[in-house]
Amino acid sequence: MLEDAPFNSKYTSPKIQKVLLNILSSKVKNHIFEKIGYSKFCIVVDEARDESKKEQMALVLRFIDKNGFIQERFFFILCMLKKPQH
């Protein structure tokens, strides 16, 4: 996307970042809507702790597509360090 941009342009100001994120989120939302339309959906959140005591939370969108099949789309994993309890 930035191949033709001037070399000294960084496009990292908060205003530019918000515009780029808004564009990307709109594209993602439109793509999801194309897939699920007005179908039923749910958001699944699961949490687990690994050996290093980090909590990992996964976020998944589960929906029924236009053909009636159950679909799942993985969004992200959030890692959190668990505070030791005294």
PDB file of N, CA and C in Angstrom:
ATOM      1  N   MET A   1       0.814  -1.178   0.000  1.00  0.00           N
ATOM      2  CA  MET A   1       0.000   0.000   0.000  1.00  0.00           C
ATOM      3  C   MET A   1       0.865   1.252   0.000  1.00  0.00           C
ATOM      4  N   LEU A   2       2.000   1.217   0.687  1.00  0.00           N
ATOM      5  CA  LEU A   2       2.840   2.410   0.801  1.00  0.00           C
ATOM      6  C   LEU A   2       4.047   2.374  -0.134  1.00  0.00           C
ATOM      7  N   GLU A   3       4.017   1.502  -1.146  1.00  0.00           N
ATOM      8  CA  GLU A   3       5.155   1.371  -2.053  1.00  0.00           C
ATOM      9  C   GLU A   3       5.480   2.674  -2.780  1.00  0.00           C
ATOM     10  N   ASP A   4       4.467   3.449  -3.168  1.00  0.00           N
ATOM     11  CA  ASP A   4       4.681   4.677  -3.925  1.00  0.00           C
ATOM     12  C   ASP A   4       4.772   5.910  -3.033  1.00  0.00           C
ATOM     13  N   ALA A   5       4.761   5.729  -1.720  1.00  0.00           N
ATOM     14  CA  ALA A   5       4.825   6.864  -0.794  1.00  0.00           C
ATOM     15  C   ALA A   5       6.244   7.421  -0.756  1.00  0.00           C
ATOM     16  N   PRO A   6       6.380   8.706  -0.494  1.00  0.00           N
ATOM     17  CA  PRO A   6       7.717   9.279  -0.367  1.00  0.00           C
ATOM     18  C   PRO A   6       8.495   8.567   0.733  1.00  0.00           C
ATOM     19  N   PHE A   7       9.802   8.469   0.559  1.00  0.00           N
ATOM     20  CA  PHE A   7      10.658   7.727   1.490  1.00  0.00           C
ATOM     21  C   PHE A   7      10.594   8.302   2.902  1.00  0.00           C
ATOM     22  N   ASN A   8      10.488   9.620   3.038  1.00  0.00           N
ATOM     23  CA  ASN A   8      10.505  10.242   4.361  1.00  0.00           C
ATOM     24  C   ASN A   8       9.133  10.232   5.040  1.00  0.00           C
ATOM     25  N   SER A   9       8.109   9.747   4.378  1.00  0.00           N
ATOM     26  CA  SER A   9       6.774   9.681   4.983  1.00  0.00           C
ATOM     27  C   SER A   9       6.649   8.413   5.812  1.00  0.00           C
ATOM     28  N   LYS A  10       6.246   8.567   7.053  1.00  0.00           N
ATOM     29  CA  LYS A  10       6.138   7.403   7.927  1.00  0.00           C
ATOM     30  C   LYS A  10       4.699   6.995   8.179  1.00  0.00           C
ATOM     31  N   TYR A  11       3.757   7.902   8.096  1.00  0.00           N
ATOM     32  CA  TYR A  11       2.344   7.608   8.299  1.00  0.00           C
ATOM     33  C   TYR A  11       2.094   6.960   9.665  1.00  0.00           C
ATOM     34  N   THR A  12       2.759   7.476  10.685  1.00  0.00           N
ATOM     35  CA  THR A  12       2.604   6.888  12.014  1.00  0.00           C
ATOM     36  C   THR A  12       1.936   7.820  13.021  1.00  0.00           C
ATOM     37  N   SER A  13       1.457   8.971  12.591  1.00  0.00           N
ATOM     38  CA  SER A  13       0.791   9.859  13.528  1.00  0.00           C
ATOM     39  C   SER A  13      -0.493   9.189  14.007  1.00  0.00           C
ATOM     40  N   PRO A  14      -0.944   9.506  15.237  1.00  0.00           N
ATOM     41  CA  PRO A  14      -2.180   8.895  15.736  1.00  0.00           C
ATOM     42  C   PRO A  14      -3.369   9.106  14.804  1.00  0.00           C
ATOM     43  N   LYS A  15      -3.455  10.272  14.198  1.00  0.00           N
ATOM     44  CA  LYS A  15      -4.582  10.548  13.288  1.00  0.00           C
ATOM     45  C   LYS A  15      -4.542   9.608  12.083  1.00  0.00           C
ATOM     46  N   ILE A  16      -3.378   9.458  11.485  1.00  0.00           N
ATOM     47  CA  ILE A  16      -3.229   8.567  10.317  1.00  0.00           C
ATOM     48  C   ILE A  16      -3.484   7.117  10.729  1.00  0.00           C
ATOM     49  N   GLN A  17      -2.974   6.704  11.889  1.00  0.00           N
ATOM     50  CA  GLN A  17      -3.191   5.334  12.355  1.00  0.00           C
ATOM     51  C   GLN A  17      -4.683   5.061  12.536  1.00  0.00           C
ATOM     52  N   LYS A  18      -5.409   6.009  13.114  1.00  0.00           N
ATOM     53  CA  LYS A  18      -6.848   5.825  13.314  1.00  0.00           C
ATOM     54  C   LYS A  18      -7.585   5.713  11.984  1.00  0.00           C
ATOM     55  N   VAL A  19      -7.184   6.512  11.006  1.00  0.00           N
ATOM     56  CA  VAL A  19      -7.819   6.441   9.684  1.00  0.00           C
ATOM     57  C   VAL A  19      -7.557   5.077   9.055  1.00  0.00           C
ATOM     58  N   LEU A  20      -6.303   4.611   9.103  1.00  0.00           N
ATOM     59  CA  LEU A  20      -5.965   3.310   8.522  1.00  0.00           C
ATOM     60  C   LEU A  20      -6.712   2.179   9.236  1.00  0.00           C
ATOM     61  N   LEU A  21      -6.775   2.226  10.573  1.00  0.00           N
ATOM     62  CA  LEU A  21      -7.489   1.193  11.323  1.00  0.00           C
ATOM     63  C   LEU A  21      -8.979   1.217  11.025  1.00  0.00           C
ATOM     64  N   ASN A  22      -9.534   2.406  10.846  1.00  0.00           N
ATOM     65  CA  ASN A  22     -10.951   2.516  10.515  1.00  0.00           C
ATOM     66  C   ASN A  22     -11.236   1.889   9.156  1.00  0.00           C
ATOM     67  N   ILE A  23     -10.366   2.136   8.198  1.00  0.00           N
ATOM     68  CA  ILE A  23     -10.530   1.551   6.859  1.00  0.00           C
ATOM     69  C   ILE A  23     -10.448   0.030   6.938  1.00  0.00           C
ATOM     70  N   LEU A  24      -9.429  -0.471   7.649  1.00  0.00           N
ATOM     71  CA  LEU A  24      -9.261  -1.921   7.763  1.00  0.00           C
ATOM     72  C   LEU A  24     -10.422  -2.569   8.502  1.00  0.00           C
ATOM     73  N   SER A  25     -10.881  -1.944   9.600  1.00  0.00           N
ATOM     74  CA  SER A  25     -11.989  -2.536  10.350  1.00  0.00           C
ATOM     75  C   SER A  25     -13.269  -2.543   9.516  1.00  0.00           C
ATOM     76  N   SER A  26     -13.480  -1.515   8.701  1.00  0.00           N
ATOM     77  CA  SER A  26     -14.658  -1.492   7.824  1.00  0.00           C
ATOM     78  C   SER A  26     -14.609  -2.631   6.818  1.00  0.00           C
ATOM     79  N   LYS A  27     -13.424  -2.881   6.267  1.00  0.00           N
ATOM     80  CA  LYS A  27     -13.281  -3.976   5.307  1.00  0.00           C
ATOM     81  C   LYS A  27     -13.541  -5.322   5.980  1.00  0.00           C
ATOM     82  N   VAL A  28     -13.028  -5.501   7.205  1.00  0.00           N
ATOM     83  CA  VAL A  28     -13.243  -6.754   7.934  1.00  0.00           C
ATOM     84  C   VAL A  28     -14.723  -6.934   8.242  1.00  0.00           C
ATOM     85  N   LYS A  29     -15.381  -5.877   8.754  1.00  0.00           N
ATOM     86  CA  LYS A  29     -16.812  -5.966   9.072  1.00  0.00           C
ATOM     87  C   LYS A  29     -17.633  -6.280   7.824  1.00  0.00           C
ATOM     88  N   ASN A  30     -17.314  -5.645   6.702  1.00  0.00           N
ATOM     89  CA  ASN A  30     -18.044  -5.906   5.467  1.00  0.00           C
ATOM     90  C   ASN A  30     -17.850  -7.344   5.001  1.00  0.00           C
ATOM     91  N   HIS A  31     -16.625  -7.855   5.137  1.00  0.00           N
ATOM     92  CA  HIS A  31     -16.338  -9.234   4.741  1.00  0.00           C
ATOM     93  C   HIS A  31     -17.123 -10.215   5.618  1.00  0.00           C
ATOM     94  N   ILE A  32     -17.157  -9.954   6.927  1.00  0.00           N
ATOM     95  CA  ILE A  32     -17.919 -10.813   7.829  1.00  0.00           C
ATOM     96  C   ILE A  32     -19.396 -10.767   7.472  1.00  0.00           C
ATOM     97  N   PHE A  33     -19.931  -9.572   7.237  1.00  0.00           N
ATOM     98  CA  PHE A  33     -21.346  -9.440   6.894  1.00  0.00           C
ATOM     99  C   PHE A  33     -21.675 -10.177   5.602  1.00  0.00           C
ATOM    100  N   GLU A  34     -20.762 -10.148   4.618  1.00  0.00           N
ATOM    101  CA  GLU A  34     -20.986 -10.895   3.379  1.00  0.00           C
ATOM    102  C   GLU A  34     -21.105 -12.389   3.659  1.00  0.00           C
ATOM    103  N   LYS A  35     -20.317 -12.876   4.617  1.00  0.00           N
ATOM    104  CA  LYS A  35     -20.318 -14.309   4.933  1.00  0.00           C
ATOM    105  C   LYS A  35     -21.531 -14.722   5.757  1.00  0.00           C
ATOM    106  N   ILE A  36     -21.911 -13.913   6.757  1.00  0.00           N
ATOM    107  CA  ILE A  36     -22.957 -14.368   7.667  1.00  0.00           C
ATOM    108  C   ILE A  36     -24.322 -13.736   7.417  1.00  0.00           C
ATOM    109  N   GLY A  37     -24.361 -12.580   6.730  1.00  0.00           N
ATOM    110  CA  GLY A  37     -25.643 -11.922   6.497  1.00  0.00           C
ATOM    111  C   GLY A  37     -26.369 -11.696   7.806  1.00  0.00           C
ATOM    112  N   TYR A  38     -27.624 -12.144   7.883  1.00  0.00           N
ATOM    113  CA  TYR A  38     -28.414 -12.003   9.109  1.00  0.00           C
ATOM    114  C   TYR A  38     -28.469 -13.302   9.898  1.00  0.00           C
ATOM    115  N   SER A  39     -27.495 -14.180   9.707  1.00  0.00           N
ATOM    116  CA  SER A  39     -27.459 -15.460  10.414  1.00  0.00           C
ATOM    117  C   SER A  39     -27.191 -15.264  11.899  1.00  0.00           C
ATOM    118  N   LYS A  40     -27.482 -16.301  12.646  1.00  0.00           N
ATOM    119  CA  LYS A  40     -27.157 -16.289  14.071  1.00  0.00           C
ATOM    120  C   LYS A  40     -25.664 -16.463  14.234  1.00  0.00           C
ATOM    121  N   PHE A  41     -25.124 -15.843  15.275  1.00  0.00           N
ATOM    122  CA  PHE A  41     -23.693 -15.956  15.535  1.00  0.00           C
ATOM    123  C   PHE A  41     -23.454 -15.873  17.034  1.00  0.00           C
ATOM    124  N   CYS A  42     -22.249 -16.265  17.442  1.00  0.00           N
ATOM    125  CA  CYS A  42     -21.837 -16.076  18.833  1.00  0.00           C
ATOM    126  C   CYS A  42     -20.343 -15.799  18.854  1.00  0.00           C
ATOM    127  N   ILE A  43     -19.914 -15.175  19.907  1.00  0.00           N
ATOM    128  CA  ILE A  43     -18.496 -14.918  20.118  1.00  0.00           C
ATOM    129  C   ILE A  43     -18.050 -15.827  21.251  1.00  0.00           C
ATOM    130  N   VAL A  44     -17.034 -16.642  20.988  1.00  0.00           N
ATOM    131  CA  VAL A  44     -16.535 -17.595  21.963  1.00  0.00           C
ATOM    132  C   VAL A  44     -15.217 -17.064  22.524  1.00  0.00           C
ATOM    133  N   VAL A  45     -15.144 -16.974  23.847  1.00  0.00           N
ATOM    134  CA  VAL A  45     -13.924 -16.538  24.515  1.00  0.00           C
ATOM    135  C   VAL A  45     -13.470 -17.681  25.399  1.00  0.00           C
ATOM    136  N   ASP A  46     -12.216 -18.109  25.231  1.00  0.00           N
ATOM    137  CA  ASP A  46     -11.675 -19.200  26.030  1.00  0.00           C
ATOM    138  C   ASP A  46     -10.360 -18.760  26.639  1.00  0.00           C
ATOM    139  N   GLU A  47     -10.099 -19.233  27.849  1.00  0.00           N
ATOM    140  CA  GLU A  47      -8.902 -18.819  28.559  1.00  0.00           C
ATOM    141  C   GLU A  47      -8.185 -20.057  29.092  1.00  0.00           C
ATOM    142  N   ALA A  48      -6.853 -20.032  29.014  1.00  0.00           N
ATOM    143  CA  ALA A  48      -6.038 -21.130  29.536  1.00  0.00           C
ATOM    144  C   ALA A  48      -4.705 -20.563  30.003  1.00  0.00           C
ATOM    145  N   ARG A  49      -4.057 -21.282  30.916  1.00  0.00           N
ATOM    146  CA  ARG A  49      -2.752 -20.859  31.413  1.00  0.00           C
ATOM    147  C   ARG A  49      -1.688 -21.834  30.899  1.00  0.00           C
ATOM    148  N   ASP A  50      -0.579 -21.302  30.389  1.00  0.00           N
ATOM    149  CA  ASP A  50       0.489 -22.167  29.917  1.00  0.00           C
ATOM    150  C   ASP A  50       1.507 -22.408  31.042  1.00  0.00           C
ATOM    151  N   GLU A  51       2.599 -23.128  30.738  1.00  0.00           N
ATOM    152  CA  GLU A  51       3.598 -23.474  31.755  1.00  0.00           C
ATOM    153  C   GLU A  51       4.270 -22.268  32.372  1.00  0.00           C
ATOM    154  N   SER A  52       4.387 -21.183  31.630  1.00  0.00           N
ATOM    155  CA  SER A  52       5.058 -19.987  32.151  1.00  0.00           C
ATOM    156  C   SER A  52       4.100 -19.111  32.962  1.00  0.00           C
ATOM    157  N   LYS A  53       2.931 -19.650  33.279  1.00  0.00           N
ATOM    158  CA  LYS A  53       1.912 -18.963  34.078  1.00  0.00           C
ATOM    159  C   LYS A  53       1.286 -17.775  33.363  1.00  0.00           C
ATOM    160  N   LYS A  54       1.363 -17.736  32.046  1.00  0.00           N
ATOM    161  CA  LYS A  54       0.719 -16.687  31.266  1.00  0.00           C
ATOM    162  C   LYS A  54      -0.702 -17.128  30.935  1.00  0.00           C
ATOM    163  N   GLU A  55      -1.640 -16.236  31.194  1.00  0.00           N
ATOM    164  CA  GLU A  55      -3.022 -16.485  30.803  1.00  0.00           C
ATOM    165  C   GLU A  55      -3.150 -16.132  29.329  1.00  0.00           C
ATOM    166  N   GLN A  56      -3.764 -17.012  28.552  1.00  0.00           N
ATOM    167  CA  GLN A  56      -3.975 -16.759  27.135  1.00  0.00           C
ATOM    168  C   GLN A  56      -5.473 -16.814  26.860  1.00  0.00           C
ATOM    169  N   MET A  57      -5.977 -15.743  26.293  1.00  0.00           N
ATOM    170  CA  MET A  57      -7.402 -15.658  25.997  1.00  0.00           C
ATOM    171  C   MET A  57      -7.574 -15.617  24.479  1.00  0.00           C
ATOM    172  N   ALA A  58      -8.368 -16.553  23.964  1.00  0.00           N
ATOM    173  CA  ALA A  58      -8.628 -16.622  22.530  1.00  0.00           C
ATOM    174  C   ALA A  58     -10.049 -16.132  22.251  1.00  0.00           C
ATOM    175  N   LEU A  59     -10.215 -15.446  21.125  1.00  0.00           N
ATOM    176  CA  LEU A  59     -11.510 -14.915  20.717  1.00  0.00           C
ATOM    177  C   LEU A  59     -11.859 -15.491  19.347  1.00  0.00           C
ATOM    178  N   VAL A  60     -13.033 -16.138  19.260  1.00  0.00           N
ATOM    179  CA  VAL A  60     -13.462 -16.803  18.029  1.00  0.00           C
ATOM    180  C   VAL A  60     -14.899 -16.384  17.710  1.00  0.00           C
ATOM    181  N   LEU A  61     -15.173 -16.124  16.442  1.00  0.00           N
ATOM    182  CA  LEU A  61     -16.527 -15.856  15.978  1.00  0.00           C
ATOM    183  C   LEU A  61     -17.074 -17.139  15.372  1.00  0.00           C
ATOM    184  N   ARG A  62     -18.200 -17.633  15.884  1.00  0.00           N
ATOM    185  CA  ARG A  62     -18.840 -18.827  15.348  1.00  0.00           C
ATOM    186  C   ARG A  62     -20.177 -18.394  14.750  1.00  0.00           C
ATOM    187  N   PHE A  63     -20.455 -18.835  13.521  1.00  0.00           N
ATOM    188  CA  PHE A  63     -21.675 -18.411  12.843  1.00  0.00           C
ATOM    189  C   PHE A  63     -22.149 -19.476  11.873  1.00  0.00           C
ATOM    190  N   ILE A  64     -23.364 -19.331  11.403  1.00  0.00           N
ATOM    191  CA  ILE A  64     -23.915 -20.207  10.374  1.00  0.00           C
ATOM    192  C   ILE A  64     -23.851 -19.455   9.056  1.00  0.00           C
ATOM    193  N   ASP A  65     -23.157 -20.016   8.063  1.00  0.00           N
ATOM    194  CA  ASP A  65     -23.009 -19.312   6.789  1.00  0.00           C
ATOM    195  C   ASP A  65     -24.294 -19.381   5.968  1.00  0.00           C
ATOM    196  N   LYS A  66     -24.270 -18.760   4.804  1.00  0.00           N
ATOM    197  CA  LYS A  66     -25.464 -18.676   3.954  1.00  0.00           C
ATOM    198  C   LYS A  66     -25.940 -20.047   3.471  1.00  0.00           C
ATOM    199  N   ASN A  67     -25.034 -21.054   3.502  1.00  0.00           N
ATOM    200  CA  ASN A  67     -25.397 -22.402   3.071  1.00  0.00           C
ATOM    201  C   ASN A  67     -25.849 -23.280   4.234  1.00  0.00           C
ATOM    202  N   GLY A  68     -25.904 -22.719   5.455  1.00  0.00           N
ATOM    203  CA  GLY A  68     -26.361 -23.472   6.618  1.00  0.00           C
ATOM    204  C   GLY A  68     -25.280 -24.236   7.350  1.00  0.00           C
ATOM    205  N   PHE A  69     -24.010 -24.012   7.009  1.00  0.00           N
ATOM    206  CA  PHE A  69     -22.911 -24.704   7.664  1.00  0.00           C
ATOM    207  C   PHE A  69     -22.336 -23.850   8.799  1.00  0.00           C
ATOM    208  N   ILE A  70     -21.955 -24.522   9.884  1.00  0.00           N
ATOM    209  CA  ILE A  70     -21.330 -23.819  11.011  1.00  0.00           C
ATOM    210  C   ILE A  70     -19.895 -23.479  10.643  1.00  0.00           C
ATOM    211  N   GLN A  71     -19.532 -22.241  10.836  1.00  0.00           N
ATOM    212  CA  GLN A  71     -18.181 -21.756  10.532  1.00  0.00           C
ATOM    213  C   GLN A  71     -17.587 -21.118  11.781  1.00  0.00           C
ATOM    214  N   GLU A  72     -16.274 -21.131  11.885  1.00  0.00           N
ATOM    215  CA  GLU A  72     -15.577 -20.443  12.974  1.00  0.00           C
ATOM    216  C   GLU A  72     -14.438 -19.629  12.387  1.00  0.00           C
ATOM    217  N   ARG A  73     -14.261 -18.441  12.911  1.00  0.00           N
ATOM    218  CA  ARG A  73     -13.154 -17.577  12.500  1.00  0.00           C
ATOM    219  C   ARG A  73     -12.415 -17.127  13.740  1.00  0.00           C
ATOM    220  N   PHE A  74     -11.148 -17.447  13.779  1.00  0.00           N
ATOM    221  CA  PHE A  74     -10.279 -17.081  14.893  1.00  0.00           C
ATOM    222  C   PHE A  74      -9.875 -15.623  14.762  1.00  0.00           C
ATOM    223  N   PHE A  75      -9.973 -14.848  15.846  1.00  0.00           N
ATOM    224  CA  PHE A  75      -9.606 -13.442  15.797  1.00  0.00           C
ATOM    225  C   PHE A  75      -8.232 -13.179  16.396  1.00  0.00           C
ATOM    226  N   PHE A  76      -8.014 -13.500  17.657  1.00  0.00           N
ATOM    227  CA  PHE A  76      -6.705 -13.234  18.244  1.00  0.00           C
ATOM    228  C   PHE A  76      -6.535 -13.963  19.565  1.00  0.00           C
ATOM    229  N   ILE A  77      -5.278 -13.952  20.040  1.00  0.00           N
ATOM    230  CA  ILE A  77      -4.952 -14.442  21.374  1.00  0.00           C
ATOM    231  C   ILE A  77      -4.350 -13.283  22.143  1.00  0.00           C
ATOM    232  N   LEU A  78      -4.827 -13.093  23.358  1.00  0.00           N
ATOM    233  CA  LEU A  78      -4.305 -12.061  24.244  1.00  0.00           C
ATOM    234  C   LEU A  78      -3.589 -12.762  25.374  1.00  0.00           C
ATOM    235  N   CYS A  79      -2.307 -12.452  25.573  1.00  0.00           N
ATOM    236  CA  CYS A  79      -1.520 -13.075  26.644  1.00  0.00           C
ATOM    237  C   CYS A  79      -1.395 -12.099  27.806  1.00  0.00           C
ATOM    238  N   MET A  80      -1.635 -12.618  29.001  1.00  0.00           N
ATOM    239  CA  MET A  80      -1.527 -11.789  30.204  1.00  0.00           C
ATOM    240  C   MET A  80      -0.695 -12.537  31.219  1.00  0.00           C
ATOM    241  N   LEU A  81       0.219 -11.855  31.852  1.00  0.00           N
ATOM    242  CA  LEU A  81       1.040 -12.453  32.890  1.00  0.00           C
ATOM    243  C   LEU A  81       0.251 -12.454  34.187  1.00  0.00           C
ATOM    244  N   LYS A  82       0.142 -13.606  34.811  1.00  0.00           N
ATOM    245  CA  LYS A  82      -0.610 -13.733  36.051  1.00  0.00           C
ATOM    246  C   LYS A  82       0.240 -13.245  37.213  1.00  0.00           C
ATOM    247  N   LYS A  83      -0.338 -12.366  38.060  1.00  0.00           N
ATOM    248  CA  LYS A  83       0.368 -11.860  39.226  1.00  0.00           C
ATOM    249  C   LYS A  83       0.422 -12.951  40.287  1.00  0.00           C
ATOM    250  N   PRO A  84       1.569 -13.093  40.937  1.00  0.00           N
ATOM    251  CA  PRO A  84       1.660 -14.121  41.999  1.00  0.00           C
ATOM    252  C   PRO A  84       0.778 -13.717  43.179  1.00  0.00           C
ATOM    253  N   GLN A  85       0.143 -14.705  43.793  1.00  0.00           N
ATOM    254  CA  GLN A  85      -0.704 -14.445  44.964  1.00  0.00           C
ATOM    255  C   GLN A  85       0.094 -14.736  46.219  1.00  0.00           C
ATOM    256  N   HIS A  86      -0.028 -13.853  47.201  1.00  0.00           N
ATOM    257  CA  HIS A  86       0.726 -14.019  48.452  1.00  0.00           C
ATOM    258  C   HIS A  86      -0.115 -14.668  49.500  1.00  0.00           C
TER     259      HIS A  86
END
